[in-house]
Amino acid sequence: MDVDDRLELRVVSARDLPEVEGGDCNPFVLVKCGGEAEQTHVVNNSQNPEWTTQRMIFLDVAENDVDHVVLSVWHKNLGGGSDVPLGQAIVYLRTVVLSPGIEQDDRIELTPVPGQMNECSGSLRVELSYFVGDTDLLDDDASDDEDVGAKPNMLV
C-alpha cells in the first residue's frame, strides 16, 4: 500500500445538542476530508453522545491540498423521514499538518449547516494526528532491516 501522508481523526463526543421534534436526538457525524467522506454510527436518544469508533484515516492530505475537515452533526430520523442537520464544525489542518505525530484534541462549537432552519447549539470533540512516512510504511514486503518510521514533515 502506498501511503505518503495520512490524517487520522476520531470523533470523540458531542455535548449539549438540541432537542429535535419528538424529543432527544439520534446523532451521527458525517466527516468530509477532501473528496473522501466517512461517518460515525448513530447514538440513539442522546444530546451528549460519545462515539467509541476507531480512527478514520484520510490519505494523501498534503498531495491533495486539503486544508480543512468538515464535521456535520445530524439527527437520524428513525421514522423514515429525512435526517435533520444539527450543526457543523470546521477544523483547519494547518497546525496539525505542521506538527506531525502530535495529537491535537479539540472541542469545537457547532455552527449552522448552510441552509439549516432548526436550532443550532452544542459542541463536538475530535482528536486528530497527521503522519508523514515512507511509502513502504504499511507494505507487508518491507524489510525488517529498513527504517520505516515516520519522517518529519517539511511542509512550510
C-alpha atoms as a PDB file:
ATOM      1  CA  MET A   1       0.000   0.000   0.000  1.00  0.00           C
ATOM      2  CA  ASP A   2       1.416   3.421  -0.961  1.00  0.00           C
ATOM      3  CA  VAL A   3       0.990   5.857   1.954  1.00  0.00           C
ATOM      4  CA  ASP A   4       2.869   9.155   1.761  1.00  0.00           C
ATOM      5  CA  ASP A   5       0.883  11.024   4.391  1.00  0.00           C
ATOM      6  CA  ARG A   6      -2.285  10.467   6.352  1.00  0.00           C
ATOM      7  CA  LEU A   7      -4.643  12.243   8.696  1.00  0.00           C
ATOM      8  CA  GLU A   8      -6.096  10.141  11.499  1.00  0.00           C
ATOM      9  CA  LEU A   9      -9.273  11.555  13.013  1.00  0.00           C
ATOM     10  CA  ARG A  10     -11.548  10.297  15.759  1.00  0.00           C
ATOM     11  CA  VAL A  11     -14.870  11.854  16.686  1.00  0.00           C
ATOM     12  CA  VAL A  12     -14.965  11.512  20.475  1.00  0.00           C
ATOM     13  CA  SER A  13     -18.184  13.156  21.655  1.00  0.00           C
ATOM     14  CA  ALA A  14     -20.745  15.925  21.292  1.00  0.00           C
ATOM     15  CA  ARG A  15     -22.240  17.998  24.102  1.00  0.00           C
ATOM     16  CA  ASP A  16     -25.472  19.933  24.550  1.00  0.00           C
ATOM     17  CA  LEU A  17     -27.064  19.038  21.217  1.00  0.00           C
ATOM     18  CA  PRO A  18     -30.549  20.496  20.741  1.00  0.00           C
ATOM     19  CA  GLU A  19     -33.740  18.532  21.135  1.00  0.00           C
ATOM     20  CA  VAL A  20     -35.468  17.661  17.917  1.00  0.00           C
ATOM     21  CA  GLU A  21     -39.144  17.312  17.150  1.00  0.00           C
ATOM     22  CA  GLY A  22     -40.266  14.322  19.165  1.00  0.00           C
ATOM     23  CA  GLY A  23     -37.599  14.540  21.914  1.00  0.00           C
ATOM     24  CA  ASP A  24     -33.947  13.589  22.159  1.00  0.00           C
ATOM     25  CA  CYS A  25     -31.889  13.298  19.020  1.00  0.00           C
ATOM     26  CA  ASN A  26     -30.226  10.285  17.413  1.00  0.00           C
ATOM     27  CA  PRO A  27     -26.944  11.916  16.368  1.00  0.00           C
ATOM     28  CA  PHE A  28     -24.256  10.809  13.965  1.00  0.00           C
ATOM     29  CA  VAL A  29     -21.354  12.723  12.421  1.00  0.00           C
ATOM     30  CA  LEU A  30     -20.501  12.909   8.723  1.00  0.00           C
ATOM     31  CA  VAL A  31     -16.798  13.711   8.218  1.00  0.00           C
ATOM     32  CA  LYS A  32     -15.624  15.169   4.892  1.00  0.00           C
ATOM     33  CA  CYS A  33     -11.912  15.484   4.132  1.00  0.00           C
ATOM     34  CA  GLY A  34     -11.110  16.492   0.571  1.00  0.00           C
ATOM     35  CA  GLY A  35     -13.051  14.156  -1.711  1.00  0.00           C
ATOM     36  CA  GLU A  36     -13.467  11.451   0.960  1.00  0.00           C
ATOM     37  CA  ALA A  37     -16.311  11.040   3.463  1.00  0.00           C
ATOM     38  CA  GLU A  38     -16.885   8.742   6.436  1.00  0.00           C
ATOM     39  CA  GLN A  39     -19.421   8.722   9.239  1.00  0.00           C
ATOM     40  CA  THR A  40     -19.823   7.566  12.797  1.00  0.00           C
ATOM     41  CA  HIS A  41     -22.524   5.197  13.973  1.00  0.00           C
ATOM     42  CA  VAL A  42     -25.831   6.590  15.274  1.00  0.00           C
ATOM     43  CA  VAL A  43     -26.170   7.050  19.044  1.00  0.00           C
ATOM     44  CA  ASN A  44     -29.842   6.728  19.974  1.00  0.00           C
ATOM     45  CA  ASN A  45     -31.644   9.184  22.278  1.00  0.00           C
ATOM     46  CA  SER A  46     -28.721  11.332  23.375  1.00  0.00           C
ATOM     47  CA  GLN A  47     -27.959  15.029  23.446  1.00  0.00           C
ATOM     48  CA  ASN A  48     -24.469  14.195  24.776  1.00  0.00           C
ATOM     49  CA  PRO A  49     -23.325  11.246  22.629  1.00  0.00           C
ATOM     50  CA  GLU A  50     -19.962   9.523  22.838  1.00  0.00           C
ATOM     51  CA  TRP A  51     -18.508   7.546  19.969  1.00  0.00           C
ATOM     52  CA  THR A  52     -16.130   4.667  20.543  1.00  0.00           C
ATOM     53  CA  THR A  53     -15.366   4.137  16.873  1.00  0.00           C
ATOM     54  CA  GLN A  54     -11.895   3.555  15.532  1.00  0.00           C
ATOM     55  CA  ARG A  55      -9.989   6.374  13.935  1.00  0.00           C
ATOM     56  CA  MET A  56     -10.925   7.450  10.450  1.00  0.00           C
ATOM     57  CA  ILE A  57      -7.931   7.589   8.104  1.00  0.00           C
ATOM     58  CA  PHE A  58      -7.679  10.017   5.204  1.00  0.00           C
ATOM     59  CA  LEU A  59      -4.751   9.568   2.806  1.00  0.00           C
ATOM     60  CA  ASP A  60      -2.716  12.000   0.689  1.00  0.00           C
ATOM     61  CA  VAL A  61      -3.900  15.095   2.565  1.00  0.00           C
ATOM     62  CA  ALA A  62      -0.907  17.240   1.529  1.00  0.00           C
ATOM     63  CA  GLU A  63      -0.817  15.920  -2.039  1.00  0.00           C
ATOM     64  CA  ASN A  64      -4.480  16.872  -2.486  1.00  0.00           C
ATOM     65  CA  ASP A  65      -4.036  20.303  -0.818  1.00  0.00           C
ATOM     66  CA  VAL A  66      -6.664  19.539   1.827  1.00  0.00           C
ATOM     67  CA  ASP A  67      -6.632  22.406   4.340  1.00  0.00           C
ATOM     68  CA  HIS A  68      -9.723  21.638   6.421  1.00  0.00           C
ATOM     69  CA  VAL A  69     -12.143  18.933   7.519  1.00  0.00           C
ATOM     70  CA  VAL A  70     -15.914  19.477   7.809  1.00  0.00           C
ATOM     71  CA  LEU A  71     -17.725  17.540  10.537  1.00  0.00           C
ATOM     72  CA  SER A  72     -21.511  17.742  10.197  1.00  0.00           C
ATOM     73  CA  VAL A  73     -23.685  16.530  13.064  1.00  0.00           C
ATOM     74  CA  TRP A  74     -27.038  15.063  12.006  1.00  0.00           C
ATOM     75  CA  HIS A  75     -30.129  13.660  13.697  1.00  0.00           C
ATOM     76  CA  LYS A  76     -31.049  10.267  12.235  1.00  0.00           C
ATOM     77  CA  ASN A  77     -34.791  10.194  11.676  1.00  0.00           C
ATOM     78  CA  LEU A  78     -35.647   6.628  12.654  1.00  0.00           C
ATOM     79  CA  GLY A  79     -39.226   7.119  11.437  1.00  0.00           C
ATOM     80  CA  GLY A  80     -38.147   7.085   7.810  1.00  0.00           C
ATOM     81  CA  GLY A  81     -38.190  10.836   7.168  1.00  0.00           C
ATOM     82  CA  SER A  82     -35.232  12.976   6.189  1.00  0.00           C
ATOM     83  CA  ASP A  83     -32.274  13.299   8.547  1.00  0.00           C
ATOM     84  CA  VAL A  84     -32.055  16.724  10.227  1.00  0.00           C
ATOM     85  CA  PRO A  85     -28.851  18.813  10.407  1.00  0.00           C
ATOM     86  CA  LEU A  86     -27.868  19.826  13.953  1.00  0.00           C
ATOM     87  CA  GLY A  87     -24.734  21.824  13.111  1.00  0.00           C
ATOM     88  CA  GLN A  88     -21.223  21.592  11.785  1.00  0.00           C
ATOM     89  CA  ALA A  89     -17.647  22.164  12.860  1.00  0.00           C
ATOM     90  CA  ILE A  90     -14.819  23.076  10.518  1.00  0.00           C
ATOM     91  CA  VAL A  91     -11.315  22.066  11.579  1.00  0.00           C
ATOM     92  CA  TYR A  92      -8.459  23.790   9.790  1.00  0.00           C
ATOM     93  CA  LEU A  93      -5.468  21.471   9.401  1.00  0.00           C
ATOM     94  CA  ARG A  94      -2.514  23.891   9.346  1.00  0.00           C
ATOM     95  CA  THR A  95      -1.492  23.284  12.977  1.00  0.00           C
ATOM     96  CA  VAL A  96      -1.858  19.505  12.862  1.00  0.00           C
ATOM     97  CA  VAL A  97      -0.029  19.239   9.489  1.00  0.00           C
ATOM     98  CA  LEU A  98       2.870  21.352  10.786  1.00  0.00           C
ATOM     99  CA  SER A  99       3.123  19.115  13.888  1.00  0.00           C
ATOM    100  CA  PRO A 100       3.285  15.556  12.550  1.00  0.00           C
ATOM    101  CA  GLY A 101       2.867  12.779  15.069  1.00  0.00           C
ATOM    102  CA  ILE A 102       1.441  15.095  17.750  1.00  0.00           C
ATOM    103  CA  GLU A 103      -2.197  14.501  18.643  1.00  0.00           C
ATOM    104  CA  GLN A 104      -4.463  17.528  18.596  1.00  0.00           C
ATOM    105  CA  ASP A 105      -7.555  17.273  20.838  1.00  0.00           C
ATOM    106  CA  ASP A 106     -10.154  19.983  20.185  1.00  0.00           C
ATOM    107  CA  ARG A 107     -13.663  20.855  21.306  1.00  0.00           C
ATOM    108  CA  ILE A 108     -15.343  22.995  18.648  1.00  0.00           C
ATOM    109  CA  GLU A 109     -18.606  24.909  18.920  1.00  0.00           C
ATOM    110  CA  LEU A 110     -21.150  23.929  16.277  1.00  0.00           C
ATOM    111  CA  THR A 111     -22.319  26.453  13.697  1.00  0.00           C
ATOM    112  CA  PRO A 112     -25.348  26.071  11.421  1.00  0.00           C
ATOM    113  CA  VAL A 113     -25.046  23.892   8.331  1.00  0.00           C
ATOM    114  CA  PRO A 114     -25.703  26.082   5.242  1.00  0.00           C
ATOM    115  CA  GLY A 115     -29.485  26.248   4.794  1.00  0.00           C
ATOM    116  CA  GLN A 116     -30.170  24.872   8.293  1.00  0.00           C
ATOM    117  CA  MET A 117     -33.506  26.141   9.619  1.00  0.00           C
ATOM    118  CA  ASN A 118     -33.625  24.467  13.055  1.00  0.00           C
ATOM    119  CA  GLU A 119     -31.794  25.442  16.252  1.00  0.00           C
ATOM    120  CA  CYS A 120     -28.016  25.008  16.359  1.00  0.00           C
ATOM    121  CA  SER A 121     -26.244  24.503  19.682  1.00  0.00           C
ATOM    122  CA  GLY A 122     -23.605  22.302  21.219  1.00  0.00           C
ATOM    123  CA  SER A 123     -20.025  21.326  20.576  1.00  0.00           C
ATOM    124  CA  LEU A 124     -18.021  18.477  19.110  1.00  0.00           C
ATOM    125  CA  ARG A 125     -14.798  16.945  20.439  1.00  0.00           C
ATOM    126  CA  VAL A 126     -12.329  15.474  17.939  1.00  0.00           C
ATOM    127  CA  GLU A 127      -8.813  14.039  18.070  1.00  0.00           C
ATOM    128  CA  LEU A 128      -6.524  14.487  15.051  1.00  0.00           C
ATOM    129  CA  SER A 129      -2.998  13.349  14.192  1.00  0.00           C
ATOM    130  CA  TYR A 130      -1.033  13.797  10.980  1.00  0.00           C
ATOM    131  CA  PHE A 131       1.741  11.470   9.818  1.00  0.00           C
ATOM    132  CA  VAL A 132       4.289  11.540   7.018  1.00  0.00           C
ATOM    133  CA  GLY A 133       6.188   8.343   6.344  1.00  0.00           C
ATOM    134  CA  ASP A 134       7.834   6.050   3.844  1.00  0.00           C
ATOM    135  CA  THR A 135       5.744   4.717   1.006  1.00  0.00           C
ATOM    136  CA  ASP A 136       6.548   1.230   2.336  1.00  0.00           C
ATOM    137  CA  LEU A 137       5.218   2.007   5.830  1.00  0.00           C
ATOM    138  CA  LEU A 138       2.238  -0.320   5.503  1.00  0.00           C
ATOM    139  CA  ASP A 139       3.757  -2.648   2.887  1.00  0.00           C
ATOM    140  CA  ASP A 140       3.978  -6.223   4.138  1.00  0.00           C
ATOM    141  CA  ASP A 141       7.070  -6.752   1.941  1.00  0.00           C
ATOM    142  CA  ALA A 142       9.109  -4.099   3.778  1.00  0.00           C
ATOM    143  CA  SER A 143      12.344  -5.496   5.168  1.00  0.00           C
ATOM    144  CA  ASP A 144      12.739  -5.627   8.933  1.00  0.00           C
ATOM    145  CA  ASP A 145      16.179  -4.046   8.464  1.00  0.00           C
ATOM    146  CA  GLU A 146      14.759  -0.886   6.904  1.00  0.00           C
ATOM    147  CA  ASP A 147      13.892   2.189   8.958  1.00  0.00           C
ATOM    148  CA  VAL A 148      10.202   2.663   8.155  1.00  0.00           C
ATOM    149  CA  GLY A 149       9.390   5.157  10.931  1.00  0.00           C
ATOM    150  CA  ALA A 150       7.577   8.421  10.339  1.00  0.00           C
ATOM    151  CA  LYS A 151       9.716  11.215   8.887  1.00  0.00           C
ATOM    152  CA  PRO A 152       9.327  14.851   9.866  1.00  0.00           C
ATOM    153  CA  ASN A 153       7.008  16.914   7.751  1.00  0.00           C
ATOM    154  CA  MET A 154       8.862  19.527   5.731  1.00  0.00           C
ATOM    155  CA  LEU A 155       5.803  21.476   4.620  1.00  0.00           C
ATOM    156  CA  VAL A 156       6.011  25.202   5.286  1.00  0.00           C
END
